[in-house]
Amino acid sequence: MRRLGESLLLPFVALAVLAADQATKSLVVAHLQPGQSIELAPWLTPVLVVTRVSNTGVAFGLLQGMSDILAVVTLFVVGMLLLYYRHLPPGQLLLRVALGFQLGGAVGNLIDRLLRASVVDFIDLNFWPMKNWPVSNVADICIVIGVILLALLMVWEQWQETRRQKALSVEEAG
């Protein structure tokens, strides 16, 4: 039973991210015109405003107008994530979570590209170090969280391997 729960972790995280992403985008599309902003609360306005933006490129406004190509690239990435997921050994819970964040975010933005020909962005952060930061969405943030978690796991694994190698060297020398 534990193995089943572990194997369902990635799909659960991905579906949760996808649901949150699509629900928030639907709210923004239903209530805001492109370019329109609203304040969530007066005390929050210096830090966060909701601004509806259509993005036909990728992060930071790069590759604008390439939504079709980006959809194909995203399909490839989603396929690679699913393939990698199928070959994960047991016990890799945080890796499954990291991949779930990435997969859910990628599919969320892919849905936008396929249905709207652009990605709906709306999270407009404005605080240090994010002054004039590009507008983003839940999918973007989850992809970044997944990549950061993956990077931290890789650093952790490398540190653990270095410790093991040192321990072996000490045993062999002694």
C-alpha atoms as a PDB file:
ATOM      1  CA  MET A   1       0.000   0.000   0.000  1.00  0.00           C
ATOM      2  CA  ARG A   2       2.873   2.350   0.787  1.00  0.00           C
ATOM      3  CA  ARG A   3       4.294   1.815  -2.718  1.00  0.00           C
ATOM      4  CA  LEU A   4       0.917   2.717  -4.262  1.00  0.00           C
ATOM      5  CA  GLY A   5       0.770   5.956  -2.268  1.00  0.00           C
ATOM      6  CA  GLU A   6       4.314   6.776  -3.299  1.00  0.00           C
ATOM      7  CA  SER A   7       3.558   6.127  -6.962  1.00  0.00           C
ATOM      8  CA  LEU A   8       0.485   8.382  -6.793  1.00  0.00           C
ATOM      9  CA  LEU A   9       2.403  11.287  -5.249  1.00  0.00           C
ATOM     10  CA  LEU A  10       3.569  12.819  -8.539  1.00  0.00           C
ATOM     11  CA  PRO A  11       0.145  12.631 -10.230  1.00  0.00           C
ATOM     12  CA  PHE A  12      -1.509  14.048  -7.107  1.00  0.00           C
ATOM     13  CA  VAL A  13       0.902  17.028  -6.925  1.00  0.00           C
ATOM     14  CA  ALA A  14       0.655  17.610 -10.686  1.00  0.00           C
ATOM     15  CA  LEU A  15      -3.161  17.543 -10.621  1.00  0.00           C
ATOM     16  CA  ALA A  16      -3.285  19.863  -7.589  1.00  0.00           C
ATOM     17  CA  VAL A  17      -0.970  22.351  -9.331  1.00  0.00           C
ATOM     18  CA  LEU A  18      -2.969  22.062 -12.561  1.00  0.00           C
ATOM     19  CA  ALA A  19      -6.277  22.618 -10.742  1.00  0.00           C
ATOM     20  CA  ALA A  20      -4.978  25.656  -8.844  1.00  0.00           C
ATOM     21  CA  ASP A  21      -3.444  27.091 -12.002  1.00  0.00           C
ATOM     22  CA  GLN A  22      -6.512  26.668 -14.183  1.00  0.00           C
ATOM     23  CA  ALA A  23      -8.915  27.868 -11.470  1.00  0.00           C
ATOM     24  CA  THR A  24      -6.955  31.072 -10.872  1.00  0.00           C
ATOM     25  CA  LYS A  25      -6.574  31.734 -14.607  1.00  0.00           C
ATOM     26  CA  SER A  26     -10.319  31.191 -15.121  1.00  0.00           C
ATOM     27  CA  LEU A  27     -11.085  33.742 -12.412  1.00  0.00           C
ATOM     28  CA  VAL A  28      -8.715  36.272 -13.962  1.00  0.00           C
ATOM     29  CA  VAL A  29     -10.113  35.765 -17.481  1.00  0.00           C
ATOM     30  CA  ALA A  30     -13.698  36.041 -16.188  1.00  0.00           C
ATOM     31  CA  HIS A  31     -13.114  39.272 -14.268  1.00  0.00           C
ATOM     32  CA  LEU A  32     -10.323  41.201 -16.000  1.00  0.00           C
ATOM     33  CA  GLN A  33      -9.686  42.482 -19.495  1.00  0.00           C
ATOM     34  CA  PRO A  34      -6.151  42.131 -20.924  1.00  0.00           C
ATOM     35  CA  GLY A  35      -3.927  44.778 -19.331  1.00  0.00           C
ATOM     36  CA  GLN A  36      -6.416  45.491 -16.525  1.00  0.00           C
ATOM     37  CA  SER A  37      -5.203  45.422 -12.908  1.00  0.00           C
ATOM     38  CA  ILE A  38      -6.976  45.093  -9.582  1.00  0.00           C
ATOM     39  CA  GLU A  39      -5.807  45.464  -6.014  1.00  0.00           C
ATOM     40  CA  LEU A  40      -6.479  42.536  -3.741  1.00  0.00           C
ATOM     41  CA  ALA A  41      -6.167  44.629  -0.589  1.00  0.00           C
ATOM     42  CA  PRO A  42      -4.804  48.157  -0.021  1.00  0.00           C
ATOM     43  CA  TRP A  43      -2.046  46.919   2.308  1.00  0.00           C
ATOM     44  CA  LEU A  44      -0.946  44.360  -0.307  1.00  0.00           C
ATOM     45  CA  THR A  45      -0.840  46.766  -3.258  1.00  0.00           C
ATOM     46  CA  PRO A  46       2.793  47.863  -2.826  1.00  0.00           C
ATOM     47  CA  VAL A  47       3.821  44.209  -3.100  1.00  0.00           C
ATOM     48  CA  LEU A  48       1.211  42.406  -5.219  1.00  0.00           C
ATOM     49  CA  VAL A  49      -1.350  43.433  -7.795  1.00  0.00           C
ATOM     50  CA  VAL A  50      -3.346  41.185 -10.101  1.00  0.00           C
ATOM     51  CA  THR A  51      -2.714  42.251 -13.708  1.00  0.00           C
ATOM     52  CA  ARG A  52      -4.018  40.226 -16.648  1.00  0.00           C
ATOM     53  CA  VAL A  53      -1.371  39.761 -19.332  1.00  0.00           C
ATOM     54  CA  SER A  54      -1.291  37.467 -22.363  1.00  0.00           C
ATOM     55  CA  ASN A  55       2.108  35.888 -22.929  1.00  0.00           C
ATOM     56  CA  THR A  56       2.882  34.233 -26.269  1.00  0.00           C
ATOM     57  CA  GLY A  57       6.488  33.591 -25.222  1.00  0.00           C
ATOM     58  CA  VAL A  58       8.260  32.134 -22.229  1.00  0.00           C
ATOM     59  CA  ALA A  59       9.491  33.573 -18.937  1.00  0.00           C
ATOM     60  CA  PHE A  60      10.783  37.135 -18.900  1.00  0.00           C
ATOM     61  CA  GLY A  61       8.950  37.871 -22.154  1.00  0.00           C
ATOM     62  CA  LEU A  62      11.437  35.926 -24.245  1.00  0.00           C
ATOM     63  CA  LEU A  63      10.491  34.242 -27.536  1.00  0.00           C
ATOM     64  CA  GLN A  64       7.251  36.207 -28.013  1.00  0.00           C
ATOM     65  CA  GLY A  65       4.968  34.961 -30.767  1.00  0.00           C
ATOM     66  CA  MET A  66       6.311  31.406 -30.725  1.00  0.00           C
ATOM     67  CA  SER A  67       3.408  29.772 -28.917  1.00  0.00           C
ATOM     68  CA  ASP A  68       3.068  26.909 -31.429  1.00  0.00           C
ATOM     69  CA  ILE A  69       6.731  25.956 -31.177  1.00  0.00           C
ATOM     70  CA  LEU A  70       6.632  26.318 -27.406  1.00  0.00           C
ATOM     71  CA  ALA A  71       3.596  24.000 -27.261  1.00  0.00           C
ATOM     72  CA  VAL A  72       5.562  21.321 -29.134  1.00  0.00           C
ATOM     73  CA  VAL A  73       8.568  21.800 -26.836  1.00  0.00           C
ATOM     74  CA  THR A  74       6.275  21.573 -23.801  1.00  0.00           C
ATOM     75  CA  LEU A  75       4.746  18.328 -25.081  1.00  0.00           C
ATOM     76  CA  PHE A  76       8.264  16.930 -25.416  1.00  0.00           C
ATOM     77  CA  VAL A  77       9.186  18.050 -21.878  1.00  0.00           C
ATOM     78  CA  VAL A  78       5.975  16.552 -20.461  1.00  0.00           C
ATOM     79  CA  GLY A  79       6.772  13.278 -22.232  1.00  0.00           C
ATOM     80  CA  MET A  80      10.298  13.263 -20.834  1.00  0.00           C
ATOM     81  CA  LEU A  81       9.043  13.976 -17.298  1.00  0.00           C
ATOM     82  CA  LEU A  82       6.568  11.091 -17.544  1.00  0.00           C
ATOM     83  CA  LEU A  83       9.223   8.763 -18.931  1.00  0.00           C
ATOM     84  CA  TYR A  84      11.646   9.707 -16.157  1.00  0.00           C
ATOM     85  CA  TYR A  85       8.899   9.269 -13.558  1.00  0.00           C
ATOM     86  CA  ARG A  86       8.250   5.694 -14.725  1.00  0.00           C
ATOM     87  CA  HIS A  87      11.868   4.775 -13.970  1.00  0.00           C
ATOM     88  CA  LEU A  88      12.174   6.316 -10.506  1.00  0.00           C
ATOM     89  CA  PRO A  89      13.281   3.912  -7.795  1.00  0.00           C
ATOM     90  CA  PRO A  90      11.227   3.656  -4.596  1.00  0.00           C
ATOM     91  CA  GLY A  91      11.921   6.156  -1.840  1.00  0.00           C
ATOM     92  CA  GLN A  92      12.320   9.247  -4.003  1.00  0.00           C
ATOM     93  CA  LEU A  93       9.434  11.204  -2.444  1.00  0.00           C
ATOM     94  CA  LEU A  94      10.862  14.714  -2.771  1.00  0.00           C
ATOM     95  CA  LEU A  95      11.915  14.015  -6.339  1.00  0.00           C
ATOM     96  CA  ARG A  96       8.350  12.942  -7.128  1.00  0.00           C
ATOM     97  CA  VAL A  97       7.051  16.168  -5.580  1.00  0.00           C
ATOM     98  CA  ALA A  98       9.548  18.270  -7.562  1.00  0.00           C
ATOM     99  CA  LEU A  99       8.589  16.552 -10.805  1.00  0.00           C
ATOM    100  CA  GLY A 100       4.899  16.913  -9.909  1.00  0.00           C
ATOM    101  CA  PHE A 101       5.306  20.680  -9.538  1.00  0.00           C
ATOM    102  CA  GLN A 102       7.085  20.869 -12.886  1.00  0.00           C
ATOM    103  CA  LEU A 103       4.614  18.596 -14.677  1.00  0.00           C
ATOM    104  CA  GLY A 104       1.523  20.363 -13.322  1.00  0.00           C
ATOM    105  CA  GLY A 105       2.926  23.761 -14.239  1.00  0.00           C
ATOM    106  CA  ALA A 106       3.981  22.668 -17.709  1.00  0.00           C
ATOM    107  CA  VAL A 107       0.568  21.152 -18.459  1.00  0.00           C
ATOM    108  CA  GLY A 108      -1.191  24.243 -17.077  1.00  0.00           C
ATOM    109  CA  ASN A 109       0.661  26.555 -19.436  1.00  0.00           C
ATOM    110  CA  LEU A 110       0.301  24.050 -22.302  1.00  0.00           C
ATOM    111  CA  ILE A 111      -3.480  24.093 -21.899  1.00  0.00           C
ATOM    112  CA  ASP A 112      -3.398  27.891 -22.242  1.00  0.00           C
ATOM    113  CA  ARG A 113      -1.248  27.698 -25.377  1.00  0.00           C
ATOM    114  CA  LEU A 114      -3.595  25.153 -26.960  1.00  0.00           C
ATOM    115  CA  LEU A 115      -6.869  26.852 -25.976  1.00  0.00           C
ATOM    116  CA  ARG A 116      -5.926  30.547 -26.059  1.00  0.00           C
ATOM    117  CA  ALA A 117      -2.717  30.645 -28.186  1.00  0.00           C
ATOM    118  CA  SER A 118      -1.086  32.435 -25.239  1.00  0.00           C
ATOM    119  CA  VAL A 119      -0.518  31.951 -21.521  1.00  0.00           C
ATOM    120  CA  VAL A 120      -2.585  33.945 -19.026  1.00  0.00           C
ATOM    121  CA  ASP A 121      -0.265  35.672 -16.539  1.00  0.00           C
ATOM    122  CA  PHE A 122      -1.575  37.713 -13.618  1.00  0.00           C
ATOM    123  CA  ILE A 123       0.703  37.616 -10.553  1.00  0.00           C
ATOM    124  CA  ASP A 124       2.324  41.056 -10.629  1.00  0.00           C
ATOM    125  CA  LEU A 125       4.955  41.199  -7.863  1.00  0.00           C
ATOM    126  CA  ASN A 126       6.646  44.459  -7.015  1.00  0.00           C
ATOM    127  CA  PHE A 127       9.106  44.196  -4.143  1.00  0.00           C
ATOM    128  CA  TRP A 128      12.830  43.879  -3.776  1.00  0.00           C
ATOM    129  CA  PRO A 129      14.445  41.966  -5.408  1.00  0.00           C
ATOM    130  CA  MET A 130      11.466  41.656  -7.735  1.00  0.00           C
ATOM    131  CA  LYS A 131      10.991  45.288  -8.799  1.00  0.00           C
ATOM    132  CA  ASN A 132       9.651  45.251 -12.354  1.00  0.00           C
ATOM    133  CA  TRP A 133       9.542  41.458 -12.324  1.00  0.00           C
ATOM    134  CA  PRO A 134       7.611  39.902 -15.217  1.00  0.00           C
ATOM    135  CA  VAL A 135       3.985  39.044 -14.530  1.00  0.00           C
ATOM    136  CA  SER A 136       3.590  35.307 -13.906  1.00  0.00           C
ATOM    137  CA  ASN A 137       1.005  32.707 -12.911  1.00  0.00           C
ATOM    138  CA  VAL A 138       0.584  29.728 -10.591  1.00  0.00           C
ATOM    139  CA  ALA A 139       2.039  27.328 -13.194  1.00  0.00           C
ATOM    140  CA  ASP A 140       5.188  29.449 -13.580  1.00  0.00           C
ATOM    141  CA  ILE A 141       5.709  29.650  -9.836  1.00  0.00           C
ATOM    142  CA  CYS A 142       5.223  25.887  -9.416  1.00  0.00           C
ATOM    143  CA  ILE A 143       7.683  25.141 -12.229  1.00  0.00           C
ATOM    144  CA  VAL A 144      10.256  27.330 -10.467  1.00  0.00           C
ATOM    145  CA  ILE A 145       9.555  25.632  -7.121  1.00  0.00           C
ATOM    146  CA  GLY A 146       9.985  22.231  -8.792  1.00  0.00           C
ATOM    147  CA  VAL A 147      13.273  23.234 -10.428  1.00  0.00           C
ATOM    148  CA  ILE A 148      14.639  24.708  -7.186  1.00  0.00           C
ATOM    149  CA  LEU A 149      13.638  21.581  -5.256  1.00  0.00           C
ATOM    150  CA  LEU A 150      15.261  19.400  -7.918  1.00  0.00           C
ATOM    151  CA  ALA A 151      18.467  21.460  -7.756  1.00  0.00           C
ATOM    152  CA  LEU A 152      18.530  21.211  -3.956  1.00  0.00           C
ATOM    153  CA  LEU A 153      18.032  17.440  -4.169  1.00  0.00           C
ATOM    154  CA  MET A 154      20.924  17.172  -6.625  1.00  0.00           C
ATOM    155  CA  VAL A 155      23.183  19.218  -4.335  1.00  0.00           C
ATOM    156  CA  TRP A 156      22.099  17.074  -1.371  1.00  0.00           C
ATOM    157  CA  GLU A 157      22.829  13.848  -3.276  1.00  0.00           C
ATOM    158  CA  GLN A 158      26.257  15.141  -4.303  1.00  0.00           C
ATOM    159  CA  TRP A 159      27.036  16.130  -0.715  1.00  0.00           C
ATOM    160  CA  GLN A 160      25.921  12.678   0.520  1.00  0.00           C
ATOM    161  CA  GLU A 161      28.087  10.952  -2.115  1.00  0.00           C
ATOM    162  CA  THR A 162      31.107  13.062  -1.143  1.00  0.00           C
ATOM    163  CA  ARG A 163      30.570  12.100   2.508  1.00  0.00           C
ATOM    164  CA  ARG A 164      30.365   8.410   1.567  1.00  0.00           C
ATOM    165  CA  GLN A 165      33.545   8.629  -0.485  1.00  0.00           C
ATOM    166  CA  LYS A 166      35.405  10.337   2.363  1.00  0.00           C
ATOM    167  CA  ALA A 167      34.189   7.712   4.820  1.00  0.00           C
ATOM    168  CA  LEU A 168      35.388   4.939   2.508  1.00  0.00           C
ATOM    169  CA  SER A 169      38.773   6.643   2.124  1.00  0.00           C
ATOM    170  CA  VAL A 170      39.170   6.889   5.892  1.00  0.00           C
ATOM    171  CA  GLU A 171      38.237   3.202   6.321  1.00  0.00           C
ATOM    172  CA  GLU A 172      40.667   2.103   3.629  1.00  0.00           C
ATOM    173  CA  ALA A 173      43.479   4.235   5.078  1.00  0.00           C
ATOM    174  CA  GLY A 174      42.874   3.042   8.622  1.00  0.00           C
END
